[in-house]
Amino acid sequence: MISAEPYGPELSSIRDVSRVRHSGSGLARLIVRTRFGRFRELTSAMNVRLNQAQVPSGAPRRAATVALLLLAQLTLSAHAGPNEQAKRIYERIAGEPPPASALTQMSAAITATPGQQGLLNAAAIATSAPSFYNVTLKNLVVPWTNRDQTVFAPLNDYAATVIGMTRDDVAFNTALSDDILYTVNAPGLPAPSSANNDHYATAEANGVDLSAALKRTTQSGAYGTPAQATAGLITTRGAASAFFINGTNRAMFRFTMINHLCHDMETVMDITRPADRIRQDVARSPGGDSRVFLNTCVGCHSGMDPMAQAFAYYNFDATAGQLVYTPNQVQPKYLINAANFPFGFVTPDDGWANRWRAGSNAFLGWDPTLPGSGNGAKSLGQELASSDAFAQCQVTKIFQAVCFRAPASAVDQATVATIKASFKSGGYRLKQVFQLSAAACPGQ
């Protein structure tokens, strides 16, 4: 058994939502971002490239210059020919100017088959560029792997697995449930290890070409994780070290929702769901006022706690540096701070239930062919990745990364809906979403 002592009181009897809920390495974290809380980095896949400079007030000359440049860009887009369209597609997908040979090929593809098919043929050439995997995809995925949601973090097994699945056209709706892992097949690298990130960090430092060197394997084979305990990206070392460490394992659920369904807790609050599965650590009368619980706390916990129960057998051991799985034994972190509300739910196992299939969160589009309940992370991952919100999230993030704008207009929303339909019917291939997104905004 793992001692409960490392997990100090993380919830007080007052302000239990805004106080520290998940902590790691001594740094305070918030389980729910307050509406007017501190600034957070853009969670966009391409947050480095999507940050937009702001024109200071009181600088009319600079503002006028920017306006002229934008007007010139729009004029250019309105009259873009095959060469300009090819250049734009390549730069948006590969993140760098196209070499002359690729530009010639892509321009010829656009000319040979006018319309969307020609644009898709050109985009397919761009997605074969090494920089698409080494730069664009890596910058897209790395923020998903850490709590700060920053791109300035080392390559890890989570990111490498997404990149490999994209390259190999692996169905991405298995990303939260499959026994899958990608390692780097290159000389001079430490062996993959469940206890450290040296294999991936060294590959990145050595400038290994991920488009050629990634090799598919399994977590059960490489790390020794029991096959039934594997849940795709959820059980990678990268995810475990960020979201299973300390805390109450609610962080894993929250960040999976953010990264793969594009919803943080405040956007899925529903105070109409039953409160019977909310754990003991959540005070029912924060500050002596039960209305706070009934009108705020219950909105997240009534849905989150029954689903986060799927992770009851998982922990990240910071000392050993690896994921710990204890079958049929609930981790002590699920039982901490029981005095906050002794009559609350006591977690007996890893059985989970999706209370959001009814109520306002039915809009997330849950798969009616699934039971909506189960045991363990693998079946919960299937539940989340089979939702319509999962497909919508992947397409929206990629569209924004490629087109440099959120799909806010009616035209863009219709385009995203069409791409999402192709994504779902075409085998959940992320590479195809990049190609379709680039074809939707090549410069007309």
Protein backbone atom coordinates (compact mmCIF):
# COMPACT_ATOMS: atom_id res chain seq x y z
CA MET A 1 0.00 0.00 0.00
CA ILE A 2 1.16 3.50 -0.67
CA SER A 3 1.02 5.73 2.33
CA ALA A 4 -1.53 8.49 2.27
CA GLU A 5 0.83 10.79 4.12
CA PRO A 6 2.36 12.44 0.99
CA TYR A 7 -1.07 13.69 0.10
CA GLY A 8 -1.65 16.48 2.53
CA PRO A 9 -4.99 18.21 2.92
CA GLU A 10 -5.65 19.58 -0.52
CA LEU A 11 -9.18 20.73 0.13
CA SER A 12 -10.25 22.90 2.99
CA SER A 13 -13.72 23.13 4.36
CA ILE A 14 -13.97 26.52 2.73
CA ARG A 15 -13.30 27.64 -0.82
CA ASP A 16 -12.82 23.99 -1.81
CA VAL A 17 -13.25 24.64 -5.53
CA SER A 18 -10.85 27.54 -5.88
CA ARG A 19 -8.28 26.16 -3.46
CA VAL A 20 -5.55 23.76 -4.45
CA ARG A 21 -7.00 20.48 -5.70
CA HIS A 22 -4.14 18.91 -7.63
CA SER A 23 -0.57 19.67 -6.75
CA GLY A 24 2.72 18.48 -8.06
CA SER A 25 6.31 19.29 -7.14
CA GLY A 26 5.04 21.77 -4.61
CA LEU A 27 3.32 23.96 -7.19
CA ALA A 28 -0.26 24.97 -6.59
CA ARG A 29 -2.73 24.08 -9.31
CA LEU A 30 -6.40 24.84 -9.70
CA ILE A 31 -8.85 22.08 -10.54
CA VAL A 32 -11.15 24.63 -12.19
CA ARG A 33 -9.86 27.78 -13.74
CA THR A 34 -11.71 30.74 -12.33
CA ARG A 35 -13.54 32.84 -14.86
CA PHE A 36 -11.52 35.94 -14.08
CA GLY A 37 -8.41 34.08 -12.94
CA ARG A 38 -4.84 34.40 -13.99
CA PHE A 39 -3.80 34.44 -17.61
CA ARG A 40 -3.14 31.06 -19.19
CA GLU A 41 -1.11 30.33 -22.29
CA LEU A 42 -3.07 29.63 -25.43
CA THR A 43 -3.93 25.94 -25.54
CA SER A 44 -4.02 26.00 -29.31
CA ALA A 45 -1.99 23.30 -30.97
CA MET A 46 0.13 25.94 -32.64
CA ASN A 47 0.13 28.43 -29.81
CA VAL A 48 3.56 29.78 -30.68
CA ARG A 49 2.55 30.62 -34.23
CA LEU A 50 -0.98 31.69 -33.37
CA ASN A 51 -0.09 34.33 -30.81
CA GLN A 52 -1.01 37.59 -32.44
CA ALA A 53 0.79 40.84 -31.83
CA GLN A 54 -1.36 43.61 -30.44
CA VAL A 55 -1.31 47.12 -31.87
CA PRO A 56 -0.86 49.56 -29.00
CA SER A 57 -3.38 52.33 -28.73
CA GLY A 58 -1.77 55.66 -29.44
CA ALA A 59 0.24 54.25 -32.35
CA PRO A 60 -1.92 55.17 -35.35
CA ARG A 61 0.97 55.01 -37.80
CA ARG A 62 1.72 51.41 -36.88
CA ALA A 63 -1.97 50.53 -36.98
CA ALA A 64 -2.30 52.02 -40.45
CA THR A 65 0.72 50.02 -41.63
CA VAL A 66 -0.76 46.81 -40.28
CA ALA A 67 -4.09 47.58 -41.97
CA LEU A 68 -2.35 48.13 -45.31
CA LEU A 69 -0.42 44.89 -44.96
CA LEU A 70 -3.61 42.98 -44.17
CA LEU A 71 -5.35 44.55 -47.14
CA ALA A 72 -2.45 43.55 -49.36
CA GLN A 73 -2.61 40.01 -48.02
CA LEU A 74 -6.34 39.77 -48.67
CA THR A 75 -5.86 41.11 -52.18
CA LEU A 76 -3.16 38.53 -52.81
CA SER A 77 -5.38 35.72 -51.47
CA ALA A 78 -8.26 36.82 -53.66
CA HIS A 79 -6.12 36.34 -56.77
CA ALA A 80 -3.91 33.45 -55.64
CA GLY A 81 -2.86 31.15 -58.44
CA PRO A 82 -1.59 27.56 -58.17
CA ASN A 83 1.91 28.62 -57.10
CA GLU A 84 0.63 30.90 -54.34
CA GLN A 85 -1.87 28.29 -53.16
CA ALA A 86 0.78 25.59 -53.15
CA LYS A 87 3.17 27.79 -51.18
CA ARG A 88 0.54 28.65 -48.61
CA ILE A 89 -0.57 25.04 -48.16
CA TYR A 90 3.00 23.86 -47.68
CA GLU A 91 3.87 26.60 -45.20
CA ARG A 92 0.74 26.00 -43.14
CA ILE A 93 1.28 22.23 -42.99
CA ALA A 94 5.06 21.92 -42.90
CA GLY A 95 5.82 25.15 -41.08
CA GLU A 96 8.50 26.28 -43.51
CA PRO A 97 8.79 27.53 -47.12
CA PRO A 98 8.56 24.75 -49.70
CA PRO A 99 11.64 23.57 -51.58
CA ALA A 100 11.47 24.25 -55.29
CA SER A 101 10.79 20.62 -56.16
CA ALA A 102 7.83 20.35 -53.76
CA LEU A 103 6.43 23.69 -54.97
CA THR A 104 6.57 22.48 -58.57
CA GLN A 105 4.87 19.19 -57.70
CA MET A 106 2.13 20.84 -55.67
CA SER A 107 1.47 23.54 -58.24
CA ALA A 108 1.21 20.90 -60.96
CA ALA A 109 -1.22 18.90 -58.82
CA ILE A 110 -3.46 21.94 -58.35
CA THR A 111 -3.35 22.78 -62.05
CA ALA A 112 -3.97 19.21 -63.20
CA THR A 113 -7.12 18.77 -61.09
CA PRO A 114 -8.81 22.13 -60.46
CA GLY A 115 -10.94 22.37 -57.35
CA GLN A 116 -10.73 20.65 -53.99
CA GLN A 117 -9.21 17.41 -55.23
CA GLY A 118 -6.24 19.23 -56.68
CA LEU A 119 -5.77 21.09 -53.41
CA LEU A 120 -5.99 17.81 -51.48
CA ASN A 121 -3.40 16.24 -53.78
CA ALA A 122 -1.10 19.18 -53.10
CA ALA A 123 -1.71 18.96 -49.35
CA ALA A 124 -0.81 15.27 -49.41
CA ILE A 125 2.62 16.23 -50.76
CA ALA A 126 3.03 18.72 -47.90
CA THR A 127 2.15 16.15 -45.23
CA SER A 128 5.00 13.97 -46.46
CA ALA A 129 7.52 16.66 -45.47
CA PRO A 130 9.65 15.74 -42.42
CA SER A 131 9.01 19.13 -40.84
CA PHE A 132 5.28 18.34 -40.71
CA TYR A 133 6.12 15.69 -38.10
CA ASN A 134 9.18 17.28 -36.51
CA VAL A 135 7.74 20.78 -36.13
CA THR A 136 4.04 21.18 -36.82
CA LEU A 137 2.76 18.02 -35.16
CA LYS A 138 5.20 18.23 -32.29
CA ASN A 139 4.16 21.81 -31.54
CA LEU A 140 0.54 20.77 -31.77
CA VAL A 141 0.80 17.90 -29.31
CA VAL A 142 3.42 18.84 -26.70
CA PRO A 143 1.09 21.32 -24.93
CA TRP A 144 -1.36 18.45 -24.36
CA THR A 145 1.26 16.63 -22.28
CA ASN A 146 1.79 19.07 -19.41
CA ARG A 147 -0.28 21.06 -16.94
CA ASP A 148 1.16 24.38 -18.06
CA GLN A 149 -0.02 23.59 -21.59
CA THR A 150 3.20 24.95 -23.00
CA VAL A 151 5.02 23.97 -26.16
CA PHE A 152 8.33 24.53 -24.38
CA ALA A 153 8.53 21.04 -22.90
CA PRO A 154 10.59 18.01 -23.92
CA LEU A 155 9.40 15.45 -26.42
CA ASN A 156 7.91 12.47 -24.58
CA ASP A 157 6.12 9.20 -25.27
CA TYR A 158 2.68 10.88 -25.36
CA ALA A 159 3.73 13.30 -28.11
CA ALA A 160 5.71 10.68 -30.04
CA THR A 161 2.71 8.34 -30.03
CA VAL A 162 0.38 10.98 -31.48
CA ILE A 163 2.96 11.81 -34.17
CA GLY A 164 3.39 8.15 -35.04
CA MET A 165 -0.35 7.49 -35.17
CA THR A 166 -0.74 10.45 -37.52
CA ARG A 167 2.05 9.28 -39.81
CA ASP A 168 0.71 5.72 -39.98
CA ASP A 169 -2.97 6.69 -40.32
CA VAL A 170 -3.86 4.83 -37.13
CA ALA A 171 -7.48 5.45 -36.16
CA PHE A 172 -7.28 8.25 -33.62
CA ASN A 173 -10.45 7.21 -31.81
CA THR A 174 -8.30 4.43 -30.31
CA ALA A 175 -5.87 6.97 -28.85
CA LEU A 176 -7.41 6.82 -25.36
CA SER A 177 -7.84 3.05 -25.09
CA ASP A 178 -5.38 1.06 -27.18
CA ASP A 179 -2.23 -0.70 -25.99
CA ILE A 180 -0.04 1.46 -28.20
CA LEU A 181 3.28 3.28 -27.93
CA TYR A 182 5.76 4.76 -30.39
CA THR A 183 9.48 4.67 -29.66
CA VAL A 184 12.37 6.16 -31.62
CA ASN A 185 14.47 3.76 -33.69
CA ALA A 186 17.77 5.60 -33.98
CA PRO A 187 21.37 4.94 -32.89
CA GLY A 188 22.82 6.38 -29.71
CA LEU A 189 19.59 6.54 -27.72
CA PRO A 190 18.89 5.13 -24.26
CA ALA A 191 16.34 2.34 -24.27
CA PRO A 192 12.72 3.35 -23.67
CA SER A 193 12.01 3.26 -19.95
CA SER A 194 8.92 3.53 -17.78
CA ALA A 195 11.09 5.29 -15.18
CA ASN A 196 12.44 8.25 -17.16
CA ASN A 197 12.07 10.28 -20.36
CA ASP A 198 15.71 9.96 -21.48
CA HIS A 199 14.90 8.01 -24.65
CA TYR A 200 12.71 10.76 -26.08
CA ALA A 201 14.63 13.74 -24.73
CA THR A 202 17.87 12.42 -26.23
CA ALA A 203 16.19 11.80 -29.58
CA GLU A 204 14.99 15.40 -29.60
CA ALA A 205 18.40 16.72 -28.57
CA ASN A 206 20.05 14.68 -31.34
CA GLY A 207 17.65 16.07 -33.95
CA VAL A 208 16.32 12.65 -34.93
CA ASP A 209 13.86 12.79 -37.85
CA LEU A 210 10.62 11.57 -36.29
CA SER A 211 8.99 11.11 -39.68
CA ALA A 212 11.38 8.24 -40.38
CA ALA A 213 12.49 6.96 -36.98
CA LEU A 214 9.28 6.35 -35.03
CA LYS A 215 8.43 2.70 -34.48
CA ARG A 216 5.13 1.30 -33.24
CA THR A 217 5.13 -1.00 -30.22
CA THR A 218 2.99 -1.54 -27.10
CA GLN A 219 3.05 -0.18 -23.57
CA SER A 220 2.69 -3.69 -22.22
CA GLY A 221 5.77 -4.76 -24.18
CA ALA A 222 7.98 -1.71 -23.64
CA TYR A 223 6.97 -0.76 -20.09
CA GLY A 224 5.49 -3.94 -18.65
CA THR A 225 2.13 -2.33 -17.97
CA PRO A 226 -0.58 -5.00 -17.83
CA ALA A 227 -2.41 -4.97 -21.17
CA GLN A 228 -5.78 -4.53 -19.48
CA ALA A 229 -4.44 -1.44 -17.67
CA THR A 230 -3.26 0.33 -20.84
CA ALA A 231 -5.39 3.19 -22.13
CA GLY A 232 -3.51 4.78 -24.99
CA LEU A 233 -2.26 8.27 -24.30
CA ILE A 234 -3.77 8.26 -20.80
CA THR A 235 -1.31 5.64 -19.57
CA THR A 236 1.81 6.93 -21.31
CA ARG A 237 4.55 8.01 -18.96
CA GLY A 238 4.18 11.59 -20.22
CA ALA A 239 0.52 11.76 -19.23
CA ALA A 240 0.99 9.89 -15.96
CA SER A 241 3.85 12.13 -14.81
CA ALA A 242 1.75 15.23 -15.45
CA PHE A 243 -1.75 14.17 -14.43
CA PHE A 244 -1.55 11.14 -12.11
CA ILE A 245 1.04 12.66 -9.80
CA ASN A 246 -0.19 13.55 -6.28
CA GLY A 247 -3.68 15.09 -6.16
CA THR A 248 -6.80 12.96 -6.50
CA ASN A 249 -6.55 11.85 -10.16
CA ARG A 250 -9.24 14.34 -11.11
CA ALA A 251 -6.51 16.15 -13.06
CA MET A 252 -6.26 13.25 -15.51
CA PHE A 253 -9.96 13.50 -16.23
CA ARG A 254 -9.94 17.28 -16.48
CA PHE A 255 -6.97 17.51 -18.85
CA THR A 256 -8.28 14.65 -20.98
CA MET A 257 -11.47 16.66 -21.38
CA ILE A 258 -9.50 19.81 -22.26
CA ASN A 259 -7.13 18.14 -24.70
CA HIS A 260 -9.46 15.69 -26.40
CA LEU A 261 -12.99 17.06 -26.06
CA CYS A 262 -12.04 20.77 -25.95
CA HIS A 263 -14.07 21.39 -22.80
CA ASP A 264 -12.83 22.52 -19.40
CA MET A 265 -14.96 21.85 -16.35
CA GLU A 266 -16.72 25.21 -16.28
CA THR A 267 -18.17 24.58 -19.76
CA VAL A 268 -19.75 21.26 -18.75
CA MET A 269 -21.14 22.18 -15.33
CA ASP A 270 -24.53 20.61 -14.72
CA ILE A 271 -26.04 20.99 -11.25
CA THR A 272 -28.96 18.69 -12.11
CA ARG A 273 -26.91 15.47 -11.93
CA PRO A 274 -27.14 13.28 -8.79
CA ALA A 275 -24.51 14.00 -6.13
CA ASP A 276 -24.31 10.49 -4.67
CA ARG A 277 -20.92 9.64 -6.24
CA ILE A 278 -19.10 12.78 -5.06
CA ARG A 279 -16.19 11.81 -2.81
CA GLN A 280 -15.72 12.67 0.85
CA ASP A 281 -13.00 15.25 0.20
CA VAL A 282 -15.48 17.74 -1.26
CA ALA A 283 -17.06 19.84 1.49
CA ARG A 284 -20.84 20.10 1.23
CA SER A 285 -21.02 23.48 2.99
CA PRO A 286 -17.97 25.50 1.90
CA GLY A 287 -17.63 28.43 4.27
CA GLY A 288 -20.70 27.19 6.09
CA ASP A 289 -22.95 27.80 3.08
CA SER A 290 -24.39 24.70 1.41
CA ARG A 291 -25.68 26.81 -1.47
CA VAL A 292 -22.12 27.10 -2.79
CA PHE A 293 -21.94 23.32 -3.08
CA LEU A 294 -25.41 22.92 -4.56
CA ASN A 295 -25.01 25.69 -7.13
CA THR A 296 -21.31 25.39 -8.00
CA CYS A 297 -19.34 22.39 -6.70
CA VAL A 298 -21.93 19.80 -7.63
CA GLY A 299 -21.97 21.08 -11.20
CA CYS A 300 -18.53 19.60 -11.90
CA HIS A 301 -18.13 16.87 -9.31
CA SER A 302 -21.43 15.09 -9.96
CA GLY A 303 -20.20 14.22 -13.45
CA MET A 304 -16.44 14.20 -12.96
CA ASP A 305 -16.15 12.03 -9.85
CA PRO A 306 -18.11 9.04 -11.22
CA MET A 307 -15.93 9.03 -14.37
CA ALA A 308 -12.60 9.75 -12.66
CA GLN A 309 -13.25 6.63 -10.59
CA ALA A 310 -11.94 4.75 -13.64
CA PHE A 311 -8.44 5.83 -12.53
CA ALA A 312 -8.77 4.49 -8.96
CA TYR A 313 -5.93 1.97 -9.38
CA TYR A 314 -3.41 4.41 -10.91
CA ASN A 315 -0.77 6.65 -9.41
CA PHE A 316 2.51 8.21 -10.51
CA ASP A 317 5.35 7.46 -8.12
CA ALA A 318 7.54 10.57 -8.26
CA THR A 319 10.39 8.82 -6.44
CA ALA A 320 10.54 5.87 -8.84
CA GLY A 321 9.56 8.11 -11.74
CA GLN A 322 6.96 5.77 -13.14
CA LEU A 323 3.30 4.85 -13.39
CA VAL A 324 1.99 2.56 -10.66
CA TYR A 325 -1.01 0.30 -11.25
CA THR A 326 -2.52 -1.66 -8.36
CA PRO A 327 -5.28 -3.95 -9.68
CA ASN A 328 -8.22 -4.36 -7.31
CA GLN A 329 -6.64 -1.93 -4.84
CA VAL A 330 -7.88 1.65 -4.67
CA GLN A 331 -5.10 4.21 -4.40
CA PRO A 332 -5.01 6.07 -1.02
CA LYS A 333 -5.40 9.41 -2.81
CA TYR A 334 -9.06 8.50 -3.44
CA LEU A 335 -9.71 8.36 0.29
CA ILE A 336 -7.96 11.50 1.53
CA ASN A 337 -9.60 14.30 3.49
CA ALA A 338 -12.55 12.09 4.38
CA ALA A 339 -13.40 14.35 7.29
CA ASN A 340 -14.49 17.10 4.91
CA PHE A 341 -17.75 15.18 4.49
CA PRO A 342 -17.70 11.73 6.13
CA PHE A 343 -21.01 10.80 4.52
CA GLY A 344 -19.62 11.29 1.02
CA PHE A 345 -18.85 8.55 -1.47
CA VAL A 346 -16.11 6.06 -0.55
CA THR A 347 -14.47 4.66 -3.69
CA PRO A 348 -14.63 0.84 -3.62
CA ASP A 349 -13.17 -0.01 -7.05
CA ASP A 350 -12.53 1.39 -10.53
CA GLY A 351 -16.13 1.19 -11.73
CA TRP A 352 -17.19 4.35 -13.56
CA ALA A 353 -20.45 5.76 -14.89
CA ASN A 354 -21.15 8.61 -17.30
CA ARG A 355 -23.84 10.75 -15.68
CA TRP A 356 -23.48 13.25 -18.52
CA ARG A 357 -25.30 11.05 -21.01
CA ALA A 358 -28.41 12.75 -19.66
CA GLY A 359 -28.88 16.42 -18.88
CA SER A 360 -27.25 19.37 -20.58
CA ASN A 361 -24.08 17.46 -21.49
CA ALA A 362 -25.90 15.08 -23.77
CA PHE A 363 -24.86 17.62 -26.43
CA LEU A 364 -21.37 16.09 -26.33
CA GLY A 365 -22.77 13.33 -28.52
CA TRP A 366 -22.19 10.10 -26.61
CA ASP A 367 -22.20 6.88 -28.62
CA PRO A 368 -25.55 5.12 -28.08
CA THR A 369 -23.99 1.73 -28.86
CA LEU A 370 -21.79 1.90 -25.75
CA PRO A 371 -23.13 1.14 -22.27
CA GLY A 372 -22.01 4.42 -20.66
CA SER A 373 -20.36 2.63 -17.73
CA GLY A 374 -17.60 0.15 -17.09
CA ASN A 375 -14.40 -0.54 -15.20
CA GLY A 376 -11.01 1.04 -15.65
CA ALA A 377 -9.34 3.61 -17.86
CA LYS A 378 -9.54 1.61 -21.09
CA SER A 379 -13.34 1.52 -21.25
CA LEU A 380 -13.60 5.15 -20.14
CA GLY A 381 -11.20 6.11 -22.94
CA GLN A 382 -13.46 4.35 -25.42
CA GLU A 383 -16.44 6.27 -24.07
CA LEU A 384 -14.72 9.64 -24.45
CA ALA A 385 -13.15 8.98 -27.85
CA SER A 386 -16.42 7.70 -29.30
CA SER A 387 -18.22 10.96 -28.56
CA ASP A 388 -18.98 13.51 -31.24
CA ALA A 389 -17.20 16.12 -29.12
CA PHE A 390 -13.95 14.15 -29.47
CA ALA A 391 -14.08 14.31 -33.27
CA GLN A 392 -15.19 17.95 -33.21
CA CYS A 393 -12.27 18.84 -30.95
CA GLN A 394 -9.58 17.28 -33.13
CA VAL A 395 -10.93 18.91 -36.28
CA THR A 396 -11.37 22.33 -34.68
CA LYS A 397 -7.82 22.37 -33.28
CA ILE A 398 -6.28 21.35 -36.58
CA PHE A 399 -8.40 23.77 -38.61
CA GLN A 400 -7.27 26.61 -36.35
CA ALA A 401 -3.64 25.51 -36.53
CA VAL A 402 -3.67 25.32 -40.33
CA CYS A 403 -5.94 28.23 -41.21
CA PHE A 404 -4.65 30.54 -38.44
CA ARG A 405 -8.18 31.36 -37.30
CA ALA A 406 -10.88 29.84 -35.17
CA PRO A 407 -13.89 28.58 -37.16
CA ALA A 408 -16.14 31.42 -36.01
CA SER A 409 -18.00 32.28 -39.21
CA ALA A 410 -20.94 30.28 -40.53
CA VAL A 411 -18.88 29.27 -43.56
CA ASP A 412 -15.99 28.01 -41.41
CA GLN A 413 -18.34 26.16 -39.08
CA ALA A 414 -19.92 24.42 -42.04
CA THR A 415 -16.45 23.53 -43.33
CA VAL A 416 -15.48 22.06 -39.95
CA ALA A 417 -18.70 20.04 -39.87
CA THR A 418 -17.89 18.60 -43.31
CA ILE A 419 -14.30 17.78 -42.28
CA LYS A 420 -15.55 16.16 -39.08
CA ALA A 421 -17.92 13.93 -41.06
CA SER A 422 -15.02 12.86 -43.31
CA PHE A 423 -12.81 12.30 -40.26
CA LYS A 424 -15.34 9.97 -38.65
CA SER A 425 -16.30 8.10 -41.82
CA GLY A 426 -12.73 7.90 -43.10
CA GLY A 427 -11.17 6.04 -40.19
CA TYR A 428 -10.31 8.90 -37.82
CA ARG A 429 -7.08 9.78 -39.67
CA LEU A 430 -5.52 13.00 -38.35
CA LYS A 431 -3.37 13.43 -41.44
CA GLN A 432 -6.50 13.66 -43.57
CA VAL A 433 -7.83 16.43 -41.32
CA PHE A 434 -4.69 18.48 -41.96
CA GLN A 435 -5.09 17.99 -45.69
CA LEU A 436 -8.78 18.88 -45.71
CA SER A 437 -8.17 21.94 -43.53
CA ALA A 438 -5.38 23.18 -45.78
CA ALA A 439 -7.57 22.69 -48.85
CA ALA A 440 -10.27 24.79 -47.17
CA CYS A 441 -8.08 27.88 -46.76
CA PRO A 442 -5.46 27.92 -49.54
CA GLY A 443 -6.05 31.50 -50.66
CA GLN A 444 -8.70 31.78 -53.33
